[in-house]
Amino acid sequence: MARVAPVLLASALLTALPAVTVRAQAASGAAEESAAIMSVVTTLFDGMRKGDSSMVRSVFDPRVRMITVTMRNGARRTTVEMGADNFAKAVGTPHADVWDERIRNERVSVDGDLASVWVDYAFFAGPKFSHCGIDHFLLVRNDSGAWQILELSDTRRTTGCEQWTR
C-alpha cells in the first residue's frame, strides 16, 4: 500500500500538468490578443495626436459606425455617423493644438474574431482640458487577420472629470 501512494501521486501530477500548461498557454495567448487589440486603439490616439488622417483611417473597418452621446443643459443628444471620413478629415485638418485623448482603466474582452474595449478617457486640446467620458470600441478581425474598429461609441461630459484635471 505504501508503494501505491507515490505511484498514484505521480500519476495525478502527470495528468494535471498538461492542464496547467494549456491554461498557461491560453493565458499567454489571451494577453497577446489583448495587446494586439489595444495596439489598434493606441494607433488611433497616436494618429490623433500627430494629426495624421491616414493613420487614423487605417484602424477603421470601412463599415464603421461612430456614436456619440452628450448631455448639454440637461438634454441628451445622440449622434450617429456612418463611416470615419468626417472624423479622419477633422483629424487631418491643421489645428492650433494637439488633440490628446488620454485613456486609462482599459477593459478588453475577446471571443474569436470579435473584441470589445471599454476605456475611461479625457480629451485635451493642447494643455487645456475639454471633456471626459467612456470610449467603447467594437473590433472585428478582418480577412487578413488584422483587428479593425467596426464601431466607436463615446460619452462626453465636462462634469465628474476631476480625476483627469488634478
Protein backbone atom coordinates (compact mmCIF):
# COMPACT_ATOMS: atom_id res chain seq x y z
CA MET A 1 0.00 0.00 0.00
CA ALA A 2 2.87 2.39 0.82
CA ARG A 3 4.25 1.92 -2.71
CA VAL A 4 0.86 2.61 -4.34
CA ALA A 5 0.56 6.15 -2.91
CA PRO A 6 3.69 7.53 -4.67
CA VAL A 7 2.57 5.93 -7.94
CA LEU A 8 -0.90 7.47 -7.60
CA LEU A 9 0.62 10.86 -6.75
CA ALA A 10 2.96 10.72 -9.75
CA SER A 11 0.08 9.67 -11.99
CA ALA A 12 -2.09 12.54 -10.72
CA LEU A 13 0.71 15.07 -11.27
CA LEU A 14 1.37 13.83 -14.80
CA THR A 15 -2.34 14.05 -15.57
CA ALA A 16 -2.69 17.58 -14.14
CA LEU A 17 0.48 19.02 -15.70
CA PRO A 18 -0.85 19.26 -19.27
CA ALA A 19 -3.95 21.09 -18.00
CA VAL A 20 -1.75 23.65 -16.23
CA THR A 21 0.36 24.07 -19.37
CA VAL A 22 -2.73 24.53 -21.55
CA ARG A 23 -4.12 27.14 -19.14
CA ALA A 24 -0.79 28.99 -19.09
CA GLN A 25 -0.63 28.94 -22.90
CA ALA A 26 -4.23 30.14 -23.13
CA ALA A 27 -3.50 32.98 -20.71
CA SER A 28 -0.41 33.92 -22.72
CA GLY A 29 -2.41 33.82 -25.97
CA ALA A 30 -5.16 35.95 -24.44
CA ALA A 31 -2.60 38.52 -23.26
CA GLU A 32 -1.08 38.67 -26.75
CA GLU A 33 -4.53 39.04 -28.31
CA SER A 34 -5.45 41.83 -25.88
CA ALA A 35 -2.16 43.60 -26.66
CA ALA A 36 -2.84 43.36 -30.42
CA ILE A 37 -6.32 44.80 -29.89
CA MET A 38 -5.06 47.63 -27.67
CA SER A 39 -2.41 48.49 -30.27
CA VAL A 40 -5.26 49.36 -32.67
CA VAL A 41 -6.74 51.73 -30.07
CA THR A 42 -3.29 53.21 -29.38
CA THR A 43 -2.70 53.74 -33.11
CA LEU A 44 -5.96 55.70 -33.31
CA PHE A 45 -4.93 58.04 -30.49
CA ASP A 46 -1.35 58.37 -31.78
CA GLY A 47 -2.79 59.35 -35.17
CA MET A 48 -4.99 61.96 -33.50
CA ARG A 49 -2.01 63.45 -31.65
CA LYS A 50 0.01 63.56 -34.89
CA GLY A 51 -2.89 64.96 -36.93
CA ASP A 52 -2.40 62.03 -39.33
CA SER A 53 -5.69 61.21 -41.08
CA SER A 54 -4.19 58.20 -42.91
CA MET A 55 -3.03 56.67 -39.63
CA VAL A 56 -6.47 57.24 -38.12
CA ARG A 57 -8.30 55.87 -41.16
CA SER A 58 -6.14 52.70 -41.12
CA VAL A 59 -7.68 51.39 -37.89
CA PHE A 60 -11.29 51.55 -39.07
CA ASP A 61 -13.30 48.90 -40.88
CA PRO A 62 -14.88 50.52 -43.97
CA ARG A 63 -18.34 49.89 -42.43
CA VAL A 64 -17.51 51.70 -39.17
CA ARG A 65 -20.25 53.40 -37.21
CA MET A 66 -19.43 56.21 -34.77
CA ILE A 67 -21.85 57.07 -31.96
CA THR A 68 -21.56 59.97 -29.51
CA VAL A 69 -23.82 60.59 -26.52
CA THR A 70 -23.60 64.02 -24.88
CA MET A 71 -25.51 65.87 -22.18
CA ARG A 72 -25.84 69.63 -22.59
CA ASN A 73 -28.10 71.80 -20.48
CA GLY A 74 -29.89 68.71 -19.19
CA ALA A 75 -30.69 67.43 -22.68
CA ARG A 76 -29.29 64.17 -24.03
CA ARG A 77 -28.10 64.20 -27.61
CA THR A 78 -27.06 61.10 -29.56
CA THR A 79 -25.18 61.45 -32.83
CA VAL A 80 -24.65 58.50 -35.16
CA GLU A 81 -22.33 58.73 -38.14
CA MET A 82 -21.63 56.06 -40.71
CA GLY A 83 -18.01 55.92 -41.83
CA ALA A 84 -14.92 57.65 -40.50
CA ASP A 85 -14.37 60.13 -43.35
CA ASN A 86 -15.51 63.25 -41.48
CA PHE A 87 -13.58 62.25 -38.37
CA ALA A 88 -10.39 61.49 -40.32
CA LYS A 89 -10.74 64.78 -42.21
CA ALA A 90 -11.12 66.70 -38.94
CA VAL A 91 -8.04 64.99 -37.51
CA GLY A 92 -6.01 65.76 -40.64
CA THR A 93 -7.10 69.40 -40.90
CA PRO A 94 -4.40 71.56 -39.29
CA HIS A 95 -5.39 72.86 -35.87
CA ALA A 96 -3.51 75.01 -33.39
CA ASP A 97 -3.46 72.48 -30.56
CA VAL A 98 -2.55 68.81 -30.37
CA TRP A 99 -5.63 66.63 -29.92
CA ASP A 100 -4.64 64.45 -26.99
CA GLU A 101 -7.07 61.76 -25.89
CA ARG A 102 -5.70 60.11 -22.75
CA ILE A 103 -7.04 56.73 -21.69
CA ARG A 104 -6.90 54.51 -18.63
CA ASN A 105 -8.66 51.60 -17.00
CA GLU A 106 -8.73 49.55 -20.21
CA ARG A 107 -11.05 46.53 -20.23
CA VAL A 108 -10.66 44.12 -23.16
CA SER A 109 -12.98 41.20 -23.92
CA VAL A 110 -12.40 38.80 -26.81
CA ASP A 111 -14.39 35.95 -28.30
CA GLY A 112 -12.90 34.60 -31.50
CA ASP A 113 -12.92 37.34 -34.13
CA LEU A 114 -14.93 39.83 -32.06
CA ALA A 115 -13.48 42.10 -29.38
CA SER A 116 -14.72 44.86 -27.13
CA VAL A 117 -12.62 47.55 -25.45
CA TRP A 118 -14.02 49.88 -22.79
CA VAL A 119 -11.82 52.74 -21.54
CA ASP A 120 -12.13 55.87 -19.45
CA TYR A 121 -10.78 58.89 -21.33
CA ALA A 122 -10.13 62.61 -21.13
CA PHE A 123 -9.68 64.84 -24.16
CA PHE A 124 -7.24 67.74 -24.12
CA ALA A 125 -6.74 70.37 -26.83
CA GLY A 126 -3.08 71.11 -26.19
CA PRO A 127 -2.75 71.58 -22.42
CA LYS A 128 -6.41 72.58 -22.00
CA PHE A 129 -8.88 70.01 -20.68
CA SER A 130 -12.01 69.74 -22.85
CA HIS A 131 -14.14 66.79 -21.68
CA CYS A 132 -14.08 63.23 -20.37
CA GLY A 133 -16.17 60.10 -20.69
CA ILE A 134 -16.12 56.50 -21.81
CA ASP A 135 -14.93 55.14 -25.15
CA HIS A 136 -16.31 51.78 -26.24
CA PHE A 137 -14.74 50.05 -29.23
CA LEU A 138 -16.19 47.06 -31.05
CA LEU A 139 -13.47 45.44 -33.15
CA VAL A 140 -13.57 42.64 -35.70
CA ARG A 141 -10.76 40.61 -37.17
CA ASN A 142 -10.71 41.16 -40.94
CA ASP A 143 -9.99 38.55 -43.63
CA SER A 144 -6.25 39.21 -43.43
CA GLY A 145 -6.27 38.61 -39.65
CA ALA A 146 -5.91 42.26 -38.59
CA TRP A 147 -8.14 43.84 -35.96
CA GLN A 148 -10.18 46.87 -37.06
CA ILE A 149 -12.69 49.13 -35.33
CA LEU A 150 -16.23 48.40 -36.52
CA GLU A 151 -17.92 50.70 -34.02
CA LEU A 152 -16.69 53.50 -31.78
CA SER A 153 -19.12 54.85 -29.18
CA ASP A 154 -18.33 57.53 -26.65
CA THR A 155 -19.91 59.63 -23.96
CA ARG A 156 -18.84 63.23 -23.41
CA ARG A 157 -19.22 65.31 -20.30
CA THR A 158 -17.50 68.21 -18.58
CA THR A 159 -18.53 67.31 -15.03
CA GLY A 160 -17.27 64.40 -12.97
CA CYS A 161 -13.86 64.69 -14.62
CA GLU A 162 -11.86 65.90 -11.62
CA GLN A 163 -9.59 62.83 -11.62
CA TRP A 164 -8.24 63.99 -15.01
CA THR A 165 -7.59 67.61 -14.08
CA ARG A 166 -5.73 67.29 -10.79
